[in-house]
mmCIF file of all heavy atoms, coordinates in Angstrom:
data_MODEL
# 
_entry.id   MODEL 
# 
loop_
_atom_site.group_PDB 
_atom_site.id 
_atom_site.type_symbol 
_atom_site.label_atom_id 
_atom_site.label_alt_id 
_atom_site.label_comp_id 
_atom_site.label_asym_id 
_atom_site.label_entity_id 
_atom_site.label_seq_id 
_atom_site.pdbx_PDB_ins_code 
_atom_site.Cartn_x 
_atom_site.Cartn_y 
_atom_site.Cartn_z 
_atom_site.occupancy 
_atom_site.B_iso_or_equiv 
_atom_site.pdbx_formal_charge 
_atom_site.auth_seq_id 
_atom_site.auth_comp_id 
_atom_site.auth_asym_id 
_atom_site.auth_atom_id 
_atom_site.pdbx_PDB_model_num 
ATOM 1   N N   . ASP A 1 1  ? -6.697 97.487  -8.968  1.00 0.00 ? 1  ASP A N   1 
ATOM 2   C CA  . ASP A 1 1  ? -7.035 96.412  -8.019  1.00 0.00 ? 1  ASP A CA  1 
ATOM 3   C C   . ASP A 1 1  ? -5.967 96.184  -6.968  1.00 0.00 ? 1  ASP A C   1 
ATOM 4   O O   . ASP A 1 1  ? -6.108 95.305  -6.117  1.00 0.00 ? 1  ASP A O   1 
ATOM 5   C CB  . ASP A 1 1  ? -7.313 95.107  -8.772  1.00 0.00 ? 1  ASP A CB  1 
ATOM 6   C CG  . ASP A 1 1  ? -6.148 94.685  -9.662  1.00 0.00 ? 1  ASP A CG  1 
ATOM 7   O OD1 . ASP A 1 1  ? -5.111 95.376  -9.665  1.00 0.00 ? 1  ASP A OD1 1 
ATOM 8   O OD2 . ASP A 1 1  ? -6.282 93.662  -10.362 1.00 0.00 ? 1  ASP A OD2 1 
ATOM 9   N N   . GLY A 1 2  ? -4.886 96.959  -7.002  1.00 0.00 ? 2  GLY A N   1 
ATOM 10  C CA  . GLY A 1 2  ? -3.811 96.831  -6.024  1.00 0.00 ? 2  GLY A CA  1 
ATOM 11  C C   . GLY A 1 2  ? -3.734 98.057  -5.131  1.00 0.00 ? 2  GLY A C   1 
ATOM 12  O O   . GLY A 1 2  ? -4.216 99.138  -5.489  1.00 0.00 ? 2  GLY A O   1 
ATOM 13  N N   . ALA A 1 3  ? -3.113 97.901  -3.972  1.00 0.00 ? 3  ALA A N   1 
ATOM 14  C CA  . ALA A 1 3  ? -3.032 98.996  -3.009  1.00 0.00 ? 3  ALA A CA  1 
ATOM 15  C C   . ALA A 1 3  ? -1.720 99.761  -3.163  1.00 0.00 ? 3  ALA A C   1 
ATOM 16  O O   . ALA A 1 3  ? -0.919 99.857  -2.233  1.00 0.00 ? 3  ALA A O   1 
ATOM 17  C CB  . ALA A 1 3  ? -3.190 98.460  -1.589  1.00 0.00 ? 3  ALA A CB  1 
ATOM 18  N N   . PHE A 1 4  ? -1.472 100.303 -4.354  1.00 0.00 ? 4  PHE A N   1 
ATOM 19  C CA  . PHE A 1 4  ? -0.265 101.101 -4.528  1.00 0.00 ? 4  PHE A CA  1 
ATOM 20  C C   . PHE A 1 4  ? -0.459 102.152 -5.614  1.00 0.00 ? 4  PHE A C   1 
ATOM 21  O O   . PHE A 1 4  ? -1.303 102.017 -6.508  1.00 0.00 ? 4  PHE A O   1 
ATOM 22  C CB  . PHE A 1 4  ? 0.956  100.224 -4.837  1.00 0.00 ? 4  PHE A CB  1 
ATOM 23  C CG  . PHE A 1 4  ? 0.909  99.521  -6.159  1.00 0.00 ? 4  PHE A CG  1 
ATOM 24  C CD1 . PHE A 1 4  ? 1.458  100.100 -7.298  1.00 0.00 ? 4  PHE A CD1 1 
ATOM 25  C CD2 . PHE A 1 4  ? 0.328  98.267  -6.276  1.00 0.00 ? 4  PHE A CD2 1 
ATOM 26  C CE1 . PHE A 1 4  ? 1.417  99.446  -8.514  1.00 0.00 ? 4  PHE A CE1 1 
ATOM 27  C CE2 . PHE A 1 4  ? 0.285  97.605  -7.490  1.00 0.00 ? 4  PHE A CE2 1 
ATOM 28  C CZ  . PHE A 1 4  ? 0.832  98.194  -8.611  1.00 0.00 ? 4  PHE A CZ  1 
ATOM 29  N N   . VAL A 1 5  ? 0.333  103.204 -5.489  1.00 0.00 ? 5  VAL A N   1 
ATOM 30  C CA  . VAL A 1 5  ? 0.381  104.272 -6.480  1.00 0.00 ? 5  VAL A CA  1 
ATOM 31  C C   . VAL A 1 5  ? 1.774  104.259 -7.082  1.00 0.00 ? 5  VAL A C   1 
ATOM 32  O O   . VAL A 1 5  ? 2.774  104.268 -6.353  1.00 0.00 ? 5  VAL A O   1 
ATOM 33  C CB  . VAL A 1 5  ? 0.087  105.645 -5.852  1.00 0.00 ? 5  VAL A CB  1 
ATOM 34  C CG1 . VAL A 1 5  ? 0.087  106.735 -6.930  1.00 0.00 ? 5  VAL A CG1 1 
ATOM 35  C CG2 . VAL A 1 5  ? -1.237 105.631 -5.107  1.00 0.00 ? 5  VAL A CG2 1 
ATOM 36  N N   . ASP A 1 6  ? 1.856  104.239 -8.407  1.00 0.00 ? 6  ASP A N   1 
ATOM 37  C CA  . ASP A 1 6  ? 3.141  104.203 -9.100  1.00 0.00 ? 6  ASP A CA  1 
ATOM 38  C C   . ASP A 1 6  ? 3.546  105.626 -9.459  1.00 0.00 ? 6  ASP A C   1 
ATOM 39  O O   . ASP A 1 6  ? 2.887  106.289 -10.256 1.00 0.00 ? 6  ASP A O   1 
ATOM 40  C CB  . ASP A 1 6  ? 3.014  103.341 -10.361 1.00 0.00 ? 6  ASP A CB  1 
ATOM 41  C CG  . ASP A 1 6  ? 4.357  102.988 -10.976 1.00 0.00 ? 6  ASP A CG  1 
ATOM 42  O OD1 . ASP A 1 6  ? 5.315  103.757 -10.768 1.00 0.00 ? 6  ASP A OD1 1 
ATOM 43  O OD2 . ASP A 1 6  ? 4.449  101.956 -11.663 1.00 0.00 ? 6  ASP A OD2 1 
ATOM 44  N N   . TRP A 1 7  ? 4.640  106.091 -8.847  1.00 0.00 ? 7  TRP A N   1 
ATOM 45  C CA  . TRP A 1 7  ? 5.147  107.439 -9.081  1.00 0.00 ? 7  TRP A CA  1 
ATOM 46  C C   . TRP A 1 7  ? 6.385  107.426 -9.978  1.00 0.00 ? 7  TRP A C   1 
ATOM 47  O O   . TRP A 1 7  ? 7.126  108.401 -10.025 1.00 0.00 ? 7  TRP A O   1 
ATOM 48  C CB  . TRP A 1 7  ? 5.507  108.114 -7.753  1.00 0.00 ? 7  TRP A CB  1 
ATOM 49  C CG  . TRP A 1 7  ? 4.407  108.180 -6.748  1.00 0.00 ? 7  TRP A CG  1 
ATOM 50  C CD1 . TRP A 1 7  ? 4.193  107.323 -5.708  1.00 0.00 ? 7  TRP A CD1 1 
ATOM 51  C CD2 . TRP A 1 7  ? 3.362  109.161 -6.663  1.00 0.00 ? 7  TRP A CD2 1 
ATOM 52  N NE1 . TRP A 1 7  ? 3.081  107.707 -4.976  1.00 0.00 ? 7  TRP A NE1 1 
ATOM 53  C CE2 . TRP A 1 7  ? 2.555  108.827 -5.541  1.00 0.00 ? 7  TRP A CE2 1 
ATOM 54  C CE3 . TRP A 1 7  ? 3.033  110.291 -7.416  1.00 0.00 ? 7  TRP A CE3 1 
ATOM 55  C CZ2 . TRP A 1 7  ? 1.444  109.585 -5.165  1.00 0.00 ? 7  TRP A CZ2 1 
ATOM 56  C CZ3 . TRP A 1 7  ? 1.932  111.045 -7.041  1.00 0.00 ? 7  TRP A CZ3 1 
ATOM 57  C CH2 . TRP A 1 7  ? 1.143  110.690 -5.924  1.00 0.00 ? 7  TRP A CH2 1 
ATOM 58  N N   . SER A 1 8  ? 6.606  106.334 -10.717 1.00 0.00 ? 8  SER A N   1 
ATOM 59  C CA  . SER A 1 8  ? 7.873  106.154 -11.422 1.00 0.00 ? 8  SER A CA  1 
ATOM 60  C C   . SER A 1 8  ? 7.959  106.856 -12.772 1.00 0.00 ? 8  SER A C   1 
ATOM 61  O O   . SER A 1 8  ? 9.039  106.903 -13.366 1.00 0.00 ? 8  SER A O   1 
ATOM 62  C CB  . SER A 1 8  ? 8.155  104.657 -11.617 1.00 0.00 ? 8  SER A CB  1 
ATOM 63  O OG  . SER A 1 8  ? 7.234  104.069 -12.520 1.00 0.00 ? 8  SER A OG  1 
ATOM 64  N N   . GLY A 1 9  ? 6.865  107.404 -13.268 1.00 0.00 ? 9  GLY A N   1 
ATOM 65  C CA  . GLY A 1 9  ? 6.919  108.018 -14.599 1.00 0.00 ? 9  GLY A CA  1 
ATOM 66  C C   . GLY A 1 9  ? 5.951  109.166 -14.743 1.00 0.00 ? 9  GLY A C   1 
ATOM 67  O O   . GLY A 1 9  ? 5.215  109.524 -13.811 1.00 0.00 ? 9  GLY A O   1 
ATOM 68  N N   . ASN A 1 10 ? 5.958  109.748 -15.929 1.00 0.00 ? 10 ASN A N   1 
ATOM 69  C CA  . ASN A 1 10 ? 5.092  110.878 -16.253 1.00 0.00 ? 10 ASN A CA  1 
ATOM 70  C C   . ASN A 1 10 ? 3.854  110.389 -17.006 1.00 0.00 ? 10 ASN A C   1 
ATOM 71  O O   . ASN A 1 10 ? 3.827  109.281 -17.527 1.00 0.00 ? 10 ASN A O   1 
ATOM 72  C CB  . ASN A 1 10 ? 5.868  111.867 -17.127 1.00 0.00 ? 10 ASN A CB  1 
ATOM 73  C CG  . ASN A 1 10 ? 5.035  113.063 -17.545 1.00 0.00 ? 10 ASN A CG  1 
ATOM 74  O OD1 . ASN A 1 10 ? 4.175  113.516 -16.800 1.00 0.00 ? 10 ASN A OD1 1 
ATOM 75  N ND2 . ASN A 1 10 ? 5.282  113.574 -18.739 1.00 0.00 ? 10 ASN A ND2 1 
ATOM 76  N N   . CYS A 1 11 ? 2.840  111.238 -17.064 1.00 0.00 ? 11 CYS A N   1 
ATOM 77  C CA  . CYS A 1 11 ? 1.716  111.046 -17.984 1.00 0.00 ? 11 CYS A CA  1 
ATOM 78  C C   . CYS A 1 11 ? 1.777  112.155 -19.013 1.00 0.00 ? 11 CYS A C   1 
ATOM 79  O O   . CYS A 1 11 ? 1.538  113.329 -18.694 1.00 0.00 ? 11 CYS A O   1 
ATOM 80  C CB  . CYS A 1 11 ? 0.374  111.080 -17.260 1.00 0.00 ? 11 CYS A CB  1 
ATOM 81  S SG  . CYS A 1 11 ? -1.040 110.974 -18.394 1.00 0.00 ? 11 CYS A SG  1 
ATOM 82  N N   . GLY A 1 12 ? 2.126  111.800 -20.249 1.00 0.00 ? 12 GLY A N   1 
ATOM 83  C CA  . GLY A 1 12 ? 2.249  112.806 -21.294 1.00 0.00 ? 12 GLY A CA  1 
ATOM 84  C C   . GLY A 1 12 ? 0.929  113.446 -21.653 1.00 0.00 ? 12 GLY A C   1 
ATOM 85  O O   . GLY A 1 12 ? 0.878  114.636 -21.994 1.00 0.00 ? 12 GLY A O   1 
ATOM 86  N N   . ASN A 1 13 ? -0.163 112.681 -21.596 1.00 0.00 ? 13 ASN A N   1 
ATOM 87  C CA  . ASN A 1 13 ? -1.465 113.255 -21.915 1.00 0.00 ? 13 ASN A CA  1 
ATOM 88  C C   . ASN A 1 13 ? -1.885 114.301 -20.887 1.00 0.00 ? 13 ASN A C   1 
ATOM 89  O O   . ASN A 1 13 ? -2.283 115.417 -21.240 1.00 0.00 ? 13 ASN A O   1 
ATOM 90  C CB  . ASN A 1 13 ? -2.509 112.138 -22.017 1.00 0.00 ? 13 ASN A CB  1 
ATOM 91  C CG  . ASN A 1 13 ? -2.523 111.482 -23.379 1.00 0.00 ? 13 ASN A CG  1 
ATOM 92  O OD1 . ASN A 1 13 ? -2.760 112.126 -24.390 1.00 0.00 ? 13 ASN A OD1 1 
ATOM 93  N ND2 . ASN A 1 13 ? -2.240 110.187 -23.407 1.00 0.00 ? 13 ASN A ND2 1 
ATOM 94  N N   . LEU A 1 14 ? -1.790 113.948 -19.602 1.00 0.00 ? 14 LEU A N   1 
ATOM 95  C CA  . LEU A 1 14 ? -2.183 114.910 -18.573 1.00 0.00 ? 14 LEU A CA  1 
ATOM 96  C C   . LEU A 1 14 ? -1.234 116.102 -18.504 1.00 0.00 ? 14 LEU A C   1 
ATOM 97  O O   . LEU A 1 14 ? -1.593 117.144 -17.944 1.00 0.00 ? 14 LEU A O   1 
ATOM 98  C CB  . LEU A 1 14 ? -2.282 114.226 -17.204 1.00 0.00 ? 14 LEU A CB  1 
ATOM 99  C CG  . LEU A 1 14 ? -3.475 113.292 -17.002 1.00 0.00 ? 14 LEU A CG  1 
ATOM 100 C CD1 . LEU A 1 14 ? -3.546 112.816 -15.549 1.00 0.00 ? 14 LEU A CD1 1 
ATOM 101 C CD2 . LEU A 1 14 ? -4.798 113.948 -17.401 1.00 0.00 ? 14 LEU A CD2 1 
ATOM 102 N N   . SER A 1 15 ? -0.042 115.970 -19.090 1.00 0.00 ? 15 SER A N   1 
ATOM 103 C CA  . SER A 1 15 ? 0.877  117.117 -19.154 1.00 0.00 ? 15 SER A CA  1 
ATOM 104 C C   . SER A 1 15 ? 0.208  118.310 -19.832 1.00 0.00 ? 15 SER A C   1 
ATOM 105 O O   . SER A 1 15 ? 0.503  119.467 -19.521 1.00 0.00 ? 15 SER A O   1 
ATOM 106 C CB  . SER A 1 15 ? 2.146  116.745 -19.915 1.00 0.00 ? 15 SER A CB  1 
ATOM 107 O OG  . SER A 1 15 ? 2.858  115.709 -19.270 1.00 0.00 ? 15 SER A OG  1 
ATOM 108 N N   . ALA A 1 16 ? -0.729 118.022 -20.763 1.00 0.00 ? 16 ALA A N   1 
ATOM 109 C CA  . ALA A 1 16 ? -1.427 119.094 -21.470 1.00 0.00 ? 16 ALA A CA  1 
ATOM 110 C C   . ALA A 1 16 ? -2.336 119.891 -20.554 1.00 0.00 ? 16 ALA A C   1 
ATOM 111 O O   . ALA A 1 16 ? -2.668 121.050 -20.850 1.00 0.00 ? 16 ALA A O   1 
ATOM 112 C CB  . ALA A 1 16 ? -2.239 118.513 -22.627 1.00 0.00 ? 16 ALA A CB  1 
ATOM 113 N N   . ALA A 1 17 ? -2.774 119.298 -19.453 1.00 0.00 ? 17 ALA A N   1 
ATOM 114 C CA  . ALA A 1 17 ? -3.685 119.982 -18.529 1.00 0.00 ? 17 ALA A CA  1 
ATOM 115 C C   . ALA A 1 17 ? -2.948 120.734 -17.429 1.00 0.00 ? 17 ALA A C   1 
ATOM 116 O O   . ALA A 1 17 ? -3.559 121.521 -16.706 1.00 0.00 ? 17 ALA A O   1 
ATOM 117 C CB  . ALA A 1 17 ? -4.646 118.968 -17.909 1.00 0.00 ? 17 ALA A CB  1 
ATOM 118 N N   . VAL A 1 18 ? -1.644 120.500 -17.290 1.00 0.00 ? 18 VAL A N   1 
ATOM 119 C CA  . VAL A 1 18 ? -0.884 121.111 -16.203 1.00 0.00 ? 18 VAL A CA  1 
ATOM 120 C C   . VAL A 1 18 ? -0.834 122.627 -16.363 1.00 0.00 ? 18 VAL A C   1 
ATOM 121 O O   . VAL A 1 18 ? -1.076 123.380 -15.408 1.00 0.00 ? 18 VAL A O   1 
ATOM 122 C CB  . VAL A 1 18 ? 0.537  120.515 -16.140 1.00 0.00 ? 18 VAL A CB  1 
ATOM 123 C CG1 . VAL A 1 18 ? 1.415  121.306 -15.169 1.00 0.00 ? 18 VAL A CG1 1 
ATOM 124 C CG2 . VAL A 1 18 ? 0.471  119.050 -15.720 1.00 0.00 ? 18 VAL A CG2 1 
ATOM 125 N N   . GLY A 1 19 ? -0.503 123.099 -17.564 1.00 0.00 ? 19 GLY A N   1 
ATOM 126 C CA  . GLY A 1 19 ? -0.450 124.544 -17.783 1.00 0.00 ? 19 GLY A CA  1 
ATOM 127 C C   . GLY A 1 19 ? -1.776 125.228 -17.531 1.00 0.00 ? 19 GLY A C   1 
ATOM 128 O O   . GLY A 1 19 ? -1.844 126.221 -16.787 1.00 0.00 ? 19 GLY A O   1 
ATOM 129 N N   . PRO A 1 20 ? -2.873 124.749 -18.138 1.00 0.00 ? 20 PRO A N   1 
ATOM 130 C CA  . PRO A 1 20 ? -4.175 125.363 -17.861 1.00 0.00 ? 20 PRO A CA  1 
ATOM 131 C C   . PRO A 1 20 ? -4.547 125.371 -16.379 1.00 0.00 ? 20 PRO A C   1 
ATOM 132 O O   . PRO A 1 20 ? -5.070 126.368 -15.879 1.00 0.00 ? 20 PRO A O   1 
ATOM 133 C CB  . PRO A 1 20 ? -5.135 124.485 -18.680 1.00 0.00 ? 20 PRO A CB  1 
ATOM 134 C CG  . PRO A 1 20 ? -4.311 124.017 -19.829 1.00 0.00 ? 20 PRO A CG  1 
ATOM 135 C CD  . PRO A 1 20 ? -2.942 123.780 -19.250 1.00 0.00 ? 20 PRO A CD  1 
ATOM 136 N N   . PHE A 1 21 ? -4.290 124.260 -15.672 1.00 0.00 ? 21 PHE A N   1 
ATOM 137 C CA  . PHE A 1 21 ? -4.596 124.220 -14.244 1.00 0.00 ? 21 PHE A CA  1 
ATOM 138 C C   . PHE A 1 21 ? -3.749 125.239 -13.489 1.00 0.00 ? 21 PHE A C   1 
ATOM 139 O O   . PHE A 1 21 ? -4.251 125.959 -12.613 1.00 0.00 ? 21 PHE A O   1 
ATOM 140 C CB  . PHE A 1 21 ? -4.350 122.820 -13.691 1.00 0.00 ? 21 PHE A CB  1 
ATOM 141 C CG  . PHE A 1 21 ? -4.619 122.691 -12.217 1.00 0.00 ? 21 PHE A CG  1 
ATOM 142 C CD1 . PHE A 1 21 ? -5.855 122.277 -11.750 1.00 0.00 ? 21 PHE A CD1 1 
ATOM 143 C CD2 . PHE A 1 21 ? -3.635 122.982 -11.285 1.00 0.00 ? 21 PHE A CD2 1 
ATOM 144 C CE1 . PHE A 1 21 ? -6.108 122.156 -10.380 1.00 0.00 ? 21 PHE A CE1 1 
ATOM 145 C CE2 . PHE A 1 21 ? -3.866 122.865 -9.918  1.00 0.00 ? 21 PHE A CE2 1 
ATOM 146 C CZ  . PHE A 1 21 ? -5.109 122.455 -9.469  1.00 0.00 ? 21 PHE A CZ  1 
ATOM 147 N N   . ALA A 1 22 ? -2.454 125.284 -13.811 1.00 0.00 ? 22 ALA A N   1 
ATOM 148 C CA  . ALA A 1 22 ? -1.554 126.203 -13.112 1.00 0.00 ? 22 ALA A CA  1 
ATOM 149 C C   . ALA A 1 22 ? -1.993 127.643 -13.286 1.00 0.00 ? 22 ALA A C   1 
ATOM 150 O O   . ALA A 1 22 ? -1.989 128.435 -12.331 1.00 0.00 ? 22 ALA A O   1 
ATOM 151 C CB  . ALA A 1 22 ? -0.125 126.002 -13.611 1.00 0.00 ? 22 ALA A CB  1 
ATOM 152 N N   . ILE A 1 23 ? -2.392 128.015 -14.502 1.00 0.00 ? 23 ILE A N   1 
ATOM 153 C CA  . ILE A 1 23 ? -2.838 129.384 -14.762 1.00 0.00 ? 23 ILE A CA  1 
ATOM 154 C C   . ILE A 1 23 ? -4.129 129.679 -14.004 1.00 0.00 ? 23 ILE A C   1 
ATOM 155 O O   . ILE A 1 23 ? -4.253 130.701 -13.319 1.00 0.00 ? 23 ILE A O   1 
ATOM 156 C CB  . ILE A 1 23 ? -3.027 129.602 -16.267 1.00 0.00 ? 23 ILE A CB  1 
ATOM 157 C CG1 . ILE A 1 23 ? -1.675 129.536 -16.990 1.00 0.00 ? 23 ILE A CG1 1 
ATOM 158 C CG2 . ILE A 1 23 ? -3.713 130.937 -16.540 1.00 0.00 ? 23 ILE A CG2 1 
ATOM 159 C CD1 . ILE A 1 23 ? -1.786 129.481 -18.498 1.00 0.00 ? 23 ILE A CD1 1 
ATOM 160 N N   . ALA A 1 24 ? -5.100 128.774 -14.104 1.00 0.00 ? 24 ALA A N   1 
ATOM 161 C CA  . ALA A 1 24 ? -6.405 128.996 -13.478 1.00 0.00 ? 24 ALA A CA  1 
ATOM 162 C C   . ALA A 1 24 ? -6.332 129.022 -11.961 1.00 0.00 ? 24 ALA A C   1 
ATOM 163 O O   . ALA A 1 24 ? -7.188 129.634 -11.315 1.00 0.00 ? 24 ALA A O   1 
ATOM 164 C CB  . ALA A 1 24 ? -7.384 127.919 -13.937 1.00 0.00 ? 24 ALA A CB  1 
# 
């Protein structure tokens, strides 16, 4: 509901999708 994106940390769950995306 706010007009901002928080870039201050990681998402550990989505980290699992980074490798598959990078390969594909």
